[in-house]
Amino acid sequence: LRYRETDSHIYQITCSGIKNEFPE
């Protein structure tokens, strides 16, 4: 977080798919 006196940590974890993939 910018410009805030905070120690918050945010983690975006994306996992997809279990049996699927994006076209290459």
PDBML (XML) file of the C-alpha atoms, coordinates in Angstrom:
<?xml version="1.0" encoding="UTF-8" ?>
<PDBx:datablock datablockName="MODEL"
   xmlns:PDBx="http://pdbml.pdb.org/schema/pdbx-v50.xsd"
   xmlns:xsi="http://www.w3.org/2001/XMLSchema-instance"
   xsi:schemaLocation="http://pdbml.pdb.org/schema/pdbx-v50.xsd pdbx-v50.xsd">
   <PDBx:atom_siteCategory>
      <PDBx:atom_site id="1">
         <PDBx:B_iso_or_equiv>0.00</PDBx:B_iso_or_equiv>
         <PDBx:Cartn_x>0.000</PDBx:Cartn_x>
         <PDBx:Cartn_y>0.000</PDBx:Cartn_y>
         <PDBx:Cartn_z>0.000</PDBx:Cartn_z>
         <PDBx:auth_asym_id>A</PDBx:auth_asym_id>
         <PDBx:auth_atom_id>CA</PDBx:auth_atom_id>
         <PDBx:auth_comp_id>LEU</PDBx:auth_comp_id>
         <PDBx:auth_seq_id>1</PDBx:auth_seq_id>
         <PDBx:group_PDB>ATOM</PDBx:group_PDB>
         <PDBx:label_alt_id xsi:nil="true" />
         <PDBx:label_asym_id>A</PDBx:label_asym_id>
         <PDBx:label_atom_id>CA</PDBx:label_atom_id>
         <PDBx:label_comp_id>LEU</PDBx:label_comp_id>
         <PDBx:label_entity_id>1</PDBx:label_entity_id>
         <PDBx:label_seq_id>1</PDBx:label_seq_id>
         <PDBx:occupancy>1.00</PDBx:occupancy>
         <PDBx:pdbx_PDB_model_num>1</PDBx:pdbx_PDB_model_num>
         <PDBx:type_symbol>C</PDBx:type_symbol>
      </PDBx:atom_site>
      <PDBx:atom_site id="2">
         <PDBx:B_iso_or_equiv>0.00</PDBx:B_iso_or_equiv>
         <PDBx:Cartn_x>1.399</PDBx:Cartn_x>
         <PDBx:Cartn_y>3.369</PDBx:Cartn_y>
         <PDBx:Cartn_z>-0.986</PDBx:Cartn_z>
         <PDBx:auth_asym_id>A</PDBx:auth_asym_id>
         <PDBx:auth_atom_id>CA</PDBx:auth_atom_id>
         <PDBx:auth_comp_id>ARG</PDBx:auth_comp_id>
         <PDBx:auth_seq_id>2</PDBx:auth_seq_id>
         <PDBx:group_PDB>ATOM</PDBx:group_PDB>
         <PDBx:label_alt_id xsi:nil="true" />
         <PDBx:label_asym_id>A</PDBx:label_asym_id>
         <PDBx:label_atom_id>CA</PDBx:label_atom_id>
         <PDBx:label_comp_id>ARG</PDBx:label_comp_id>
         <PDBx:label_entity_id>1</PDBx:label_entity_id>
         <PDBx:label_seq_id>2</PDBx:label_seq_id>
         <PDBx:occupancy>1.00</PDBx:occupancy>
         <PDBx:pdbx_PDB_model_num>1</PDBx:pdbx_PDB_model_num>
         <PDBx:type_symbol>C</PDBx:type_symbol>
      </PDBx:atom_site>
      <PDBx:atom_site id="3">
         <PDBx:B_iso_or_equiv>0.00</PDBx:B_iso_or_equiv>
         <PDBx:Cartn_x>1.211</PDBx:Cartn_x>
         <PDBx:Cartn_y>6.426</PDBx:Cartn_y>
         <PDBx:Cartn_z>1.265</PDBx:Cartn_z>
         <PDBx:auth_asym_id>A</PDBx:auth_asym_id>
         <PDBx:auth_atom_id>CA</PDBx:auth_atom_id>
         <PDBx:auth_comp_id>TYR</PDBx:auth_comp_id>
         <PDBx:auth_seq_id>3</PDBx:auth_seq_id>
         <PDBx:group_PDB>ATOM</PDBx:group_PDB>
         <PDBx:label_alt_id xsi:nil="true" />
         <PDBx:label_asym_id>A</PDBx:label_asym_id>
         <PDBx:label_atom_id>CA</PDBx:label_atom_id>
         <PDBx:label_comp_id>TYR</PDBx:label_comp_id>
         <PDBx:label_entity_id>1</PDBx:label_entity_id>
         <PDBx:label_seq_id>3</PDBx:label_seq_id>
         <PDBx:occupancy>1.00</PDBx:occupancy>
         <PDBx:pdbx_PDB_model_num>1</PDBx:pdbx_PDB_model_num>
         <PDBx:type_symbol>C</PDBx:type_symbol>
      </PDBx:atom_site>
      <PDBx:atom_site id="4">
         <PDBx:B_iso_or_equiv>0.00</PDBx:B_iso_or_equiv>
         <PDBx:Cartn_x>-0.136</PDBx:Cartn_x>
         <PDBx:Cartn_y>4.574</PDBx:Cartn_y>
         <PDBx:Cartn_z>4.305</PDBx:Cartn_z>
         <PDBx:auth_asym_id>A</PDBx:auth_asym_id>
         <PDBx:auth_atom_id>CA</PDBx:auth_atom_id>
         <PDBx:auth_comp_id>ARG</PDBx:auth_comp_id>
         <PDBx:auth_seq_id>4</PDBx:auth_seq_id>
         <PDBx:group_PDB>ATOM</PDBx:group_PDB>
         <PDBx:label_alt_id xsi:nil="true" />
         <PDBx:label_asym_id>A</PDBx:label_asym_id>
         <PDBx:label_atom_id>CA</PDBx:label_atom_id>
         <PDBx:label_comp_id>ARG</PDBx:label_comp_id>
         <PDBx:label_entity_id>1</PDBx:label_entity_id>
         <PDBx:label_seq_id>4</PDBx:label_seq_id>
         <PDBx:occupancy>1.00</PDBx:occupancy>
         <PDBx:pdbx_PDB_model_num>1</PDBx:pdbx_PDB_model_num>
         <PDBx:type_symbol>C</PDBx:type_symbol>
      </PDBx:atom_site>
      <PDBx:atom_site id="5">
         <PDBx:B_iso_or_equiv>0.00</PDBx:B_iso_or_equiv>
         <PDBx:Cartn_x>1.484</PDBx:Cartn_x>
         <PDBx:Cartn_y>3.941</PDBx:Cartn_y>
         <PDBx:Cartn_z>7.676</PDBx:Cartn_z>
         <PDBx:auth_asym_id>A</PDBx:auth_asym_id>
         <PDBx:auth_atom_id>CA</PDBx:auth_atom_id>
         <PDBx:auth_comp_id>GLU</PDBx:auth_comp_id>
         <PDBx:auth_seq_id>5</PDBx:auth_seq_id>
         <PDBx:group_PDB>ATOM</PDBx:group_PDB>
         <PDBx:label_alt_id xsi:nil="true" />
         <PDBx:label_asym_id>A</PDBx:label_asym_id>
         <PDBx:label_atom_id>CA</PDBx:label_atom_id>
         <PDBx:label_comp_id>GLU</PDBx:label_comp_id>
         <PDBx:label_entity_id>1</PDBx:label_entity_id>
         <PDBx:label_seq_id>5</PDBx:label_seq_id>
         <PDBx:occupancy>1.00</PDBx:occupancy>
         <PDBx:pdbx_PDB_model_num>1</PDBx:pdbx_PDB_model_num>
         <PDBx:type_symbol>C</PDBx:type_symbol>
      </PDBx:atom_site>
      <PDBx:atom_site id="6">
         <PDBx:B_iso_or_equiv>0.00</PDBx:B_iso_or_equiv>
         <PDBx:Cartn_x>0.563</PDBx:Cartn_x>
         <PDBx:Cartn_y>0.286</PDBx:Cartn_y>
         <PDBx:Cartn_z>7.753</PDBx:Cartn_z>
         <PDBx:auth_asym_id>A</PDBx:auth_asym_id>
         <PDBx:auth_atom_id>CA</PDBx:auth_atom_id>
         <PDBx:auth_comp_id>THR</PDBx:auth_comp_id>
         <PDBx:auth_seq_id>6</PDBx:auth_seq_id>
         <PDBx:group_PDB>ATOM</PDBx:group_PDB>
         <PDBx:label_alt_id xsi:nil="true" />
         <PDBx:label_asym_id>A</PDBx:label_asym_id>
         <PDBx:label_atom_id>CA</PDBx:label_atom_id>
         <PDBx:label_comp_id>THR</PDBx:label_comp_id>
         <PDBx:label_entity_id>1</PDBx:label_entity_id>
         <PDBx:label_seq_id>6</PDBx:label_seq_id>
         <PDBx:occupancy>1.00</PDBx:occupancy>
         <PDBx:pdbx_PDB_model_num>1</PDBx:pdbx_PDB_model_num>
         <PDBx:type_symbol>C</PDBx:type_symbol>
      </PDBx:atom_site>
      <PDBx:atom_site id="7">
         <PDBx:B_iso_or_equiv>0.00</PDBx:B_iso_or_equiv>
         <PDBx:Cartn_x>2.368</PDBx:Cartn_x>
         <PDBx:Cartn_y>-3.029</PDBx:Cartn_y>
         <PDBx:Cartn_z>7.772</PDBx:Cartn_z>
         <PDBx:auth_asym_id>A</PDBx:auth_asym_id>
         <PDBx:auth_atom_id>CA</PDBx:auth_atom_id>
         <PDBx:auth_comp_id>ASP</PDBx:auth_comp_id>
         <PDBx:auth_seq_id>7</PDBx:auth_seq_id>
         <PDBx:group_PDB>ATOM</PDBx:group_PDB>
         <PDBx:label_alt_id xsi:nil="true" />
         <PDBx:label_asym_id>A</PDBx:label_asym_id>
         <PDBx:label_atom_id>CA</PDBx:label_atom_id>
         <PDBx:label_comp_id>ASP</PDBx:label_comp_id>
         <PDBx:label_entity_id>1</PDBx:label_entity_id>
         <PDBx:label_seq_id>7</PDBx:label_seq_id>
         <PDBx:occupancy>1.00</PDBx:occupancy>
         <PDBx:pdbx_PDB_model_num>1</PDBx:pdbx_PDB_model_num>
         <PDBx:type_symbol>C</PDBx:type_symbol>
      </PDBx:atom_site>
      <PDBx:atom_site id="8">
         <PDBx:B_iso_or_equiv>0.00</PDBx:B_iso_or_equiv>
         <PDBx:Cartn_x>-0.340</PDBx:Cartn_x>
         <PDBx:Cartn_y>-4.788</PDBx:Cartn_y>
         <PDBx:Cartn_z>5.794</PDBx:Cartn_z>
         <PDBx:auth_asym_id>A</PDBx:auth_asym_id>
         <PDBx:auth_atom_id>CA</PDBx:auth_atom_id>
         <PDBx:auth_comp_id>SER</PDBx:auth_comp_id>
         <PDBx:auth_seq_id>8</PDBx:auth_seq_id>
         <PDBx:group_PDB>ATOM</PDBx:group_PDB>
         <PDBx:label_alt_id xsi:nil="true" />
         <PDBx:label_asym_id>A</PDBx:label_asym_id>
         <PDBx:label_atom_id>CA</PDBx:label_atom_id>
         <PDBx:label_comp_id>SER</PDBx:label_comp_id>
         <PDBx:label_entity_id>1</PDBx:label_entity_id>
         <PDBx:label_seq_id>8</PDBx:label_seq_id>
         <PDBx:occupancy>1.00</PDBx:occupancy>
         <PDBx:pdbx_PDB_model_num>1</PDBx:pdbx_PDB_model_num>
         <PDBx:type_symbol>C</PDBx:type_symbol>
      </PDBx:atom_site>
      <PDBx:atom_site id="9">
         <PDBx:B_iso_or_equiv>0.00</PDBx:B_iso_or_equiv>
         <PDBx:Cartn_x>0.857</PDBx:Cartn_x>
         <PDBx:Cartn_y>-7.354</PDBx:Cartn_y>
         <PDBx:Cartn_z>3.289</PDBx:Cartn_z>
         <PDBx:auth_asym_id>A</PDBx:auth_asym_id>
         <PDBx:auth_atom_id>CA</PDBx:auth_atom_id>
         <PDBx:auth_comp_id>HIS</PDBx:auth_comp_id>
         <PDBx:auth_seq_id>9</PDBx:auth_seq_id>
         <PDBx:group_PDB>ATOM</PDBx:group_PDB>
         <PDBx:label_alt_id xsi:nil="true" />
         <PDBx:label_asym_id>A</PDBx:label_asym_id>
         <PDBx:label_atom_id>CA</PDBx:label_atom_id>
         <PDBx:label_comp_id>HIS</PDBx:label_comp_id>
         <PDBx:label_entity_id>1</PDBx:label_entity_id>
         <PDBx:label_seq_id>9</PDBx:label_seq_id>
         <PDBx:occupancy>1.00</PDBx:occupancy>
         <PDBx:pdbx_PDB_model_num>1</PDBx:pdbx_PDB_model_num>
         <PDBx:type_symbol>C</PDBx:type_symbol>
      </PDBx:atom_site>
      <PDBx:atom_site id="10">
         <PDBx:B_iso_or_equiv>0.00</PDBx:B_iso_or_equiv>
         <PDBx:Cartn_x>-1.350</PDBx:Cartn_x>
         <PDBx:Cartn_y>-8.431</PDBx:Cartn_y>
         <PDBx:Cartn_z>0.375</PDBx:Cartn_z>
         <PDBx:auth_asym_id>A</PDBx:auth_asym_id>
         <PDBx:auth_atom_id>CA</PDBx:auth_atom_id>
         <PDBx:auth_comp_id>ILE</PDBx:auth_comp_id>
         <PDBx:auth_seq_id>10</PDBx:auth_seq_id>
         <PDBx:group_PDB>ATOM</PDBx:group_PDB>
         <PDBx:label_alt_id xsi:nil="true" />
         <PDBx:label_asym_id>A</PDBx:label_asym_id>
         <PDBx:label_atom_id>CA</PDBx:label_atom_id>
         <PDBx:label_comp_id>ILE</PDBx:label_comp_id>
         <PDBx:label_entity_id>1</PDBx:label_entity_id>
         <PDBx:label_seq_id>10</PDBx:label_seq_id>
         <PDBx:occupancy>1.00</PDBx:occupancy>
         <PDBx:pdbx_PDB_model_num>1</PDBx:pdbx_PDB_model_num>
         <PDBx:type_symbol>C</PDBx:type_symbol>
      </PDBx:atom_site>
      <PDBx:atom_site id="11">
         <PDBx:B_iso_or_equiv>0.00</PDBx:B_iso_or_equiv>
         <PDBx:Cartn_x>-0.596</PDBx:Cartn_x>
         <PDBx:Cartn_y>-11.518</PDBx:Cartn_y>
         <PDBx:Cartn_z>-1.676</PDBx:Cartn_z>
         <PDBx:auth_asym_id>A</PDBx:auth_asym_id>
         <PDBx:auth_atom_id>CA</PDBx:auth_atom_id>
         <PDBx:auth_comp_id>TYR</PDBx:auth_comp_id>
         <PDBx:auth_seq_id>11</PDBx:auth_seq_id>
         <PDBx:group_PDB>ATOM</PDBx:group_PDB>
         <PDBx:label_alt_id xsi:nil="true" />
         <PDBx:label_asym_id>A</PDBx:label_asym_id>
         <PDBx:label_atom_id>CA</PDBx:label_atom_id>
         <PDBx:label_comp_id>TYR</PDBx:label_comp_id>
         <PDBx:label_entity_id>1</PDBx:label_entity_id>
         <PDBx:label_seq_id>11</PDBx:label_seq_id>
         <PDBx:occupancy>1.00</PDBx:occupancy>
         <PDBx:pdbx_PDB_model_num>1</PDBx:pdbx_PDB_model_num>
         <PDBx:type_symbol>C</PDBx:type_symbol>
      </PDBx:atom_site>
      <PDBx:atom_site id="12">
         <PDBx:B_iso_or_equiv>0.00</PDBx:B_iso_or_equiv>
         <PDBx:Cartn_x>-2.444</PDBx:Cartn_x>
         <PDBx:Cartn_y>-12.323</PDBx:Cartn_y>
         <PDBx:Cartn_z>-4.904</PDBx:Cartn_z>
         <PDBx:auth_asym_id>A</PDBx:auth_asym_id>
         <PDBx:auth_atom_id>CA</PDBx:auth_atom_id>
         <PDBx:auth_comp_id>GLN</PDBx:auth_comp_id>
         <PDBx:auth_seq_id>12</PDBx:auth_seq_id>
         <PDBx:group_PDB>ATOM</PDBx:group_PDB>
         <PDBx:label_alt_id xsi:nil="true" />
         <PDBx:label_asym_id>A</PDBx:label_asym_id>
         <PDBx:label_atom_id>CA</PDBx:label_atom_id>
         <PDBx:label_comp_id>GLN</PDBx:label_comp_id>
         <PDBx:label_entity_id>1</PDBx:label_entity_id>
         <PDBx:label_seq_id>12</PDBx:label_seq_id>
         <PDBx:occupancy>1.00</PDBx:occupancy>
         <PDBx:pdbx_PDB_model_num>1</PDBx:pdbx_PDB_model_num>
         <PDBx:type_symbol>C</PDBx:type_symbol>
      </PDBx:atom_site>
      <PDBx:atom_site id="13">
         <PDBx:B_iso_or_equiv>0.00</PDBx:B_iso_or_equiv>
         <PDBx:Cartn_x>-1.976</PDBx:Cartn_x>
         <PDBx:Cartn_y>-16.046</PDBx:Cartn_y>
         <PDBx:Cartn_z>-5.598</PDBx:Cartn_z>
         <PDBx:auth_asym_id>A</PDBx:auth_asym_id>
         <PDBx:auth_atom_id>CA</PDBx:auth_atom_id>
         <PDBx:auth_comp_id>ILE</PDBx:auth_comp_id>
         <PDBx:auth_seq_id>13</PDBx:auth_seq_id>
         <PDBx:group_PDB>ATOM</PDBx:group_PDB>
         <PDBx:label_alt_id xsi:nil="true" />
         <PDBx:label_asym_id>A</PDBx:label_asym_id>
         <PDBx:label_atom_id>CA</PDBx:label_atom_id>
         <PDBx:label_comp_id>ILE</PDBx:label_comp_id>
         <PDBx:label_entity_id>1</PDBx:label_entity_id>
         <PDBx:label_seq_id>13</PDBx:label_seq_id>
         <PDBx:occupancy>1.00</PDBx:occupancy>
         <PDBx:pdbx_PDB_model_num>1</PDBx:pdbx_PDB_model_num>
         <PDBx:type_symbol>C</PDBx:type_symbol>
      </PDBx:atom_site>
      <PDBx:atom_site id="14">
         <PDBx:B_iso_or_equiv>0.00</PDBx:B_iso_or_equiv>
         <PDBx:Cartn_x>-3.606</PDBx:Cartn_x>
         <PDBx:Cartn_y>-17.359</PDBx:Cartn_y>
         <PDBx:Cartn_z>-8.765</PDBx:Cartn_z>
         <PDBx:auth_asym_id>A</PDBx:auth_asym_id>
         <PDBx:auth_atom_id>CA</PDBx:auth_atom_id>
         <PDBx:auth_comp_id>THR</PDBx:auth_comp_id>
         <PDBx:auth_seq_id>14</PDBx:auth_seq_id>
         <PDBx:group_PDB>ATOM</PDBx:group_PDB>
         <PDBx:label_alt_id xsi:nil="true" />
         <PDBx:label_asym_id>A</PDBx:label_asym_id>
         <PDBx:label_atom_id>CA</PDBx:label_atom_id>
         <PDBx:label_comp_id>THR</PDBx:label_comp_id>
         <PDBx:label_entity_id>1</PDBx:label_entity_id>
         <PDBx:label_seq_id>14</PDBx:label_seq_id>
         <PDBx:occupancy>1.00</PDBx:occupancy>
         <PDBx:pdbx_PDB_model_num>1</PDBx:pdbx_PDB_model_num>
         <PDBx:type_symbol>C</PDBx:type_symbol>
      </PDBx:atom_site>
      <PDBx:atom_site id="15">
         <PDBx:B_iso_or_equiv>0.00</PDBx:B_iso_or_equiv>
         <PDBx:Cartn_x>-3.570</PDBx:Cartn_x>
         <PDBx:Cartn_y>-21.001</PDBx:Cartn_y>
         <PDBx:Cartn_z>-9.785</PDBx:Cartn_z>
         <PDBx:auth_asym_id>A</PDBx:auth_asym_id>
         <PDBx:auth_atom_id>CA</PDBx:auth_atom_id>
         <PDBx:auth_comp_id>CYS</PDBx:auth_comp_id>
         <PDBx:auth_seq_id>15</PDBx:auth_seq_id>
         <PDBx:group_PDB>ATOM</PDBx:group_PDB>
         <PDBx:label_alt_id xsi:nil="true" />
         <PDBx:label_asym_id>A</PDBx:label_asym_id>
         <PDBx:label_atom_id>CA</PDBx:label_atom_id>
         <PDBx:label_comp_id>CYS</PDBx:label_comp_id>
         <PDBx:label_entity_id>1</PDBx:label_entity_id>
         <PDBx:label_seq_id>15</PDBx:label_seq_id>
         <PDBx:occupancy>1.00</PDBx:occupancy>
         <PDBx:pdbx_PDB_model_num>1</PDBx:pdbx_PDB_model_num>
         <PDBx:type_symbol>C</PDBx:type_symbol>
      </PDBx:atom_site>
      <PDBx:atom_site id="16">
         <PDBx:B_iso_or_equiv>0.00</PDBx:B_iso_or_equiv>
         <PDBx:Cartn_x>-5.508</PDBx:Cartn_x>
         <PDBx:Cartn_y>-22.204</PDBx:Cartn_y>
         <PDBx:Cartn_z>-12.830</PDBx:Cartn_z>
         <PDBx:auth_asym_id>A</PDBx:auth_asym_id>
         <PDBx:auth_atom_id>CA</PDBx:auth_atom_id>
         <PDBx:auth_comp_id>SER</PDBx:auth_comp_id>
         <PDBx:auth_seq_id>16</PDBx:auth_seq_id>
         <PDBx:group_PDB>ATOM</PDBx:group_PDB>
         <PDBx:label_alt_id xsi:nil="true" />
         <PDBx:label_asym_id>A</PDBx:label_asym_id>
         <PDBx:label_atom_id>CA</PDBx:label_atom_id>
         <PDBx:label_comp_id>SER</PDBx:label_comp_id>
         <PDBx:label_entity_id>1</PDBx:label_entity_id>
         <PDBx:label_seq_id>16</PDBx:label_seq_id>
         <PDBx:occupancy>1.00</PDBx:occupancy>
         <PDBx:pdbx_PDB_model_num>1</PDBx:pdbx_PDB_model_num>
         <PDBx:type_symbol>C</PDBx:type_symbol>
      </PDBx:atom_site>
      <PDBx:atom_site id="17">
         <PDBx:B_iso_or_equiv>0.00</PDBx:B_iso_or_equiv>
         <PDBx:Cartn_x>-6.398</PDBx:Cartn_x>
         <PDBx:Cartn_y>-24.658</PDBx:Cartn_y>
         <PDBx:Cartn_z>-14.062</PDBx:Cartn_z>
         <PDBx:auth_asym_id>A</PDBx:auth_asym_id>
         <PDBx:auth_atom_id>CA</PDBx:auth_atom_id>
         <PDBx:auth_comp_id>GLY</PDBx:auth_comp_id>
         <PDBx:auth_seq_id>17</PDBx:auth_seq_id>
         <PDBx:group_PDB>ATOM</PDBx:group_PDB>
         <PDBx:label_alt_id xsi:nil="true" />
         <PDBx:label_asym_id>A</PDBx:label_asym_id>
         <PDBx:label_atom_id>CA</PDBx:label_atom_id>
         <PDBx:label_comp_id>GLY</PDBx:label_comp_id>
         <PDBx:label_entity_id>1</PDBx:label_entity_id>
         <PDBx:label_seq_id>17</PDBx:label_seq_id>
         <PDBx:occupancy>1.00</PDBx:occupancy>
         <PDBx:pdbx_PDB_model_num>1</PDBx:pdbx_PDB_model_num>
         <PDBx:type_symbol>C</PDBx:type_symbol>
      </PDBx:atom_site>
      <PDBx:atom_site id="18">
         <PDBx:B_iso_or_equiv>0.00</PDBx:B_iso_or_equiv>
         <PDBx:Cartn_x>-6.426</PDBx:Cartn_x>
         <PDBx:Cartn_y>-28.074</PDBx:Cartn_y>
         <PDBx:Cartn_z>-12.464</PDBx:Cartn_z>
         <PDBx:auth_asym_id>A</PDBx:auth_asym_id>
         <PDBx:auth_atom_id>CA</PDBx:auth_atom_id>
         <PDBx:auth_comp_id>ILE</PDBx:auth_comp_id>
         <PDBx:auth_seq_id>18</PDBx:auth_seq_id>
         <PDBx:group_PDB>ATOM</PDBx:group_PDB>
         <PDBx:label_alt_id xsi:nil="true" />
         <PDBx:label_asym_id>A</PDBx:label_asym_id>
         <PDBx:label_atom_id>CA</PDBx:label_atom_id>
         <PDBx:label_comp_id>ILE</PDBx:label_comp_id>
         <PDBx:label_entity_id>1</PDBx:label_entity_id>
         <PDBx:label_seq_id>18</PDBx:label_seq_id>
         <PDBx:occupancy>1.00</PDBx:occupancy>
         <PDBx:pdbx_PDB_model_num>1</PDBx:pdbx_PDB_model_num>
         <PDBx:type_symbol>C</PDBx:type_symbol>
      </PDBx:atom_site>
      <PDBx:atom_site id="19">
         <PDBx:B_iso_or_equiv>0.00</PDBx:B_iso_or_equiv>
         <PDBx:Cartn_x>-6.944</PDBx:Cartn_x>
         <PDBx:Cartn_y>-29.538</PDBx:Cartn_y>
         <PDBx:Cartn_z>-15.939</PDBx:Cartn_z>
         <PDBx:auth_asym_id>A</PDBx:auth_asym_id>
         <PDBx:auth_atom_id>CA</PDBx:auth_atom_id>
         <PDBx:auth_comp_id>LYS</PDBx:auth_comp_id>
         <PDBx:auth_seq_id>19</PDBx:auth_seq_id>
         <PDBx:group_PDB>ATOM</PDBx:group_PDB>
         <PDBx:label_alt_id xsi:nil="true" />
         <PDBx:label_asym_id>A</PDBx:label_asym_id>
         <PDBx:label_atom_id>CA</PDBx:label_atom_id>
         <PDBx:label_comp_id>LYS</PDBx:label_comp_id>
         <PDBx:label_entity_id>1</PDBx:label_entity_id>
         <PDBx:label_seq_id>19</PDBx:label_seq_id>
         <PDBx:occupancy>1.00</PDBx:occupancy>
         <PDBx:pdbx_PDB_model_num>1</PDBx:pdbx_PDB_model_num>
         <PDBx:type_symbol>C</PDBx:type_symbol>
      </PDBx:atom_site>
      <PDBx:atom_site id="20">
         <PDBx:B_iso_or_equiv>0.00</PDBx:B_iso_or_equiv>
         <PDBx:Cartn_x>-6.815</PDBx:Cartn_x>
         <PDBx:Cartn_y>-26.636</PDBx:Cartn_y>
         <PDBx:Cartn_z>-18.364</PDBx:Cartn_z>
         <PDBx:auth_asym_id>A</PDBx:auth_asym_id>
         <PDBx:auth_atom_id>CA</PDBx:auth_atom_id>
         <PDBx:auth_comp_id>ASN</PDBx:auth_comp_id>
         <PDBx:auth_seq_id>20</PDBx:auth_seq_id>
         <PDBx:group_PDB>ATOM</PDBx:group_PDB>
         <PDBx:label_alt_id xsi:nil="true" />
         <PDBx:label_asym_id>A</PDBx:label_asym_id>
         <PDBx:label_atom_id>CA</PDBx:label_atom_id>
         <PDBx:label_comp_id>ASN</PDBx:label_comp_id>
         <PDBx:label_entity_id>1</PDBx:label_entity_id>
         <PDBx:label_seq_id>20</PDBx:label_seq_id>
         <PDBx:occupancy>1.00</PDBx:occupancy>
         <PDBx:pdbx_PDB_model_num>1</PDBx:pdbx_PDB_model_num>
         <PDBx:type_symbol>C</PDBx:type_symbol>
      </PDBx:atom_site>
      <PDBx:atom_site id="21">
         <PDBx:B_iso_or_equiv>0.00</PDBx:B_iso_or_equiv>
         <PDBx:Cartn_x>-4.332</PDBx:Cartn_x>
         <PDBx:Cartn_y>-24.237</PDBx:Cartn_y>
         <PDBx:Cartn_z>-19.953</PDBx:Cartn_z>
         <PDBx:auth_asym_id>A</PDBx:auth_asym_id>
         <PDBx:auth_atom_id>CA</PDBx:auth_atom_id>
         <PDBx:auth_comp_id>GLU</PDBx:auth_comp_id>
         <PDBx:auth_seq_id>21</PDBx:auth_seq_id>
         <PDBx:group_PDB>ATOM</PDBx:group_PDB>
         <PDBx:label_alt_id xsi:nil="true" />
         <PDBx:label_asym_id>A</PDBx:label_asym_id>
         <PDBx:label_atom_id>CA</PDBx:label_atom_id>
         <PDBx:label_comp_id>GLU</PDBx:label_comp_id>
         <PDBx:label_entity_id>1</PDBx:label_entity_id>
         <PDBx:label_seq_id>21</PDBx:label_seq_id>
         <PDBx:occupancy>1.00</PDBx:occupancy>
         <PDBx:pdbx_PDB_model_num>1</PDBx:pdbx_PDB_model_num>
         <PDBx:type_symbol>C</PDBx:type_symbol>
      </PDBx:atom_site>
      <PDBx:atom_site id="22">
         <PDBx:B_iso_or_equiv>0.00</PDBx:B_iso_or_equiv>
         <PDBx:Cartn_x>-4.304</PDBx:Cartn_x>
         <PDBx:Cartn_y>-20.927</PDBx:Cartn_y>
         <PDBx:Cartn_z>-21.836</PDBx:Cartn_z>
         <PDBx:auth_asym_id>A</PDBx:auth_asym_id>
         <PDBx:auth_atom_id>CA</PDBx:auth_atom_id>
         <PDBx:auth_comp_id>PHE</PDBx:auth_comp_id>
         <PDBx:auth_seq_id>22</PDBx:auth_seq_id>
         <PDBx:group_PDB>ATOM</PDBx:group_PDB>
         <PDBx:label_alt_id xsi:nil="true" />
         <PDBx:label_asym_id>A</PDBx:label_asym_id>
         <PDBx:label_atom_id>CA</PDBx:label_atom_id>
         <PDBx:label_comp_id>PHE</PDBx:label_comp_id>
         <PDBx:label_entity_id>1</PDBx:label_entity_id>
         <PDBx:label_seq_id>22</PDBx:label_seq_id>
         <PDBx:occupancy>1.00</PDBx:occupancy>
         <PDBx:pdbx_PDB_model_num>1</PDBx:pdbx_PDB_model_num>
         <PDBx:type_symbol>C</PDBx:type_symbol>
      </PDBx:atom_site>
      <PDBx:atom_site id="23">
         <PDBx:B_iso_or_equiv>0.00</PDBx:B_iso_or_equiv>
         <PDBx:Cartn_x>-3.715</PDBx:Cartn_x>
         <PDBx:Cartn_y>-21.045</PDBx:Cartn_y>
         <PDBx:Cartn_z>-25.614</PDBx:Cartn_z>
         <PDBx:auth_asym_id>A</PDBx:auth_asym_id>
         <PDBx:auth_atom_id>CA</PDBx:auth_atom_id>
         <PDBx:auth_comp_id>PRO</PDBx:auth_comp_id>
         <PDBx:auth_seq_id>23</PDBx:auth_seq_id>
         <PDBx:group_PDB>ATOM</PDBx:group_PDB>
         <PDBx:label_alt_id xsi:nil="true" />
         <PDBx:label_asym_id>A</PDBx:label_asym_id>
         <PDBx:label_atom_id>CA</PDBx:label_atom_id>
         <PDBx:label_comp_id>PRO</PDBx:label_comp_id>
         <PDBx:label_entity_id>1</PDBx:label_entity_id>
         <PDBx:label_seq_id>23</PDBx:label_seq_id>
         <PDBx:occupancy>1.00</PDBx:occupancy>
         <PDBx:pdbx_PDB_model_num>1</PDBx:pdbx_PDB_model_num>
         <PDBx:type_symbol>C</PDBx:type_symbol>
      </PDBx:atom_site>
      <PDBx:atom_site id="24">
         <PDBx:B_iso_or_equiv>0.00</PDBx:B_iso_or_equiv>
         <PDBx:Cartn_x>-0.111</PDBx:Cartn_x>
         <PDBx:Cartn_y>-20.574</PDBx:Cartn_y>
         <PDBx:Cartn_z>-26.663</PDBx:Cartn_z>
         <PDBx:auth_asym_id>A</PDBx:auth_asym_id>
         <PDBx:auth_atom_id>CA</PDBx:auth_atom_id>
         <PDBx:auth_comp_id>GLU</PDBx:auth_comp_id>
         <PDBx:auth_seq_id>24</PDBx:auth_seq_id>
         <PDBx:group_PDB>ATOM</PDBx:group_PDB>
         <PDBx:label_alt_id xsi:nil="true" />
         <PDBx:label_asym_id>A</PDBx:label_asym_id>
         <PDBx:label_atom_id>CA</PDBx:label_atom_id>
         <PDBx:label_comp_id>GLU</PDBx:label_comp_id>
         <PDBx:label_entity_id>1</PDBx:label_entity_id>
         <PDBx:label_seq_id>24</PDBx:label_seq_id>
         <PDBx:occupancy>1.00</PDBx:occupancy>
         <PDBx:pdbx_PDB_model_num>1</PDBx:pdbx_PDB_model_num>
         <PDBx:type_symbol>C</PDBx:type_symbol>
      </PDBx:atom_site>
   </PDBx:atom_siteCategory>
</PDBx:datablock>
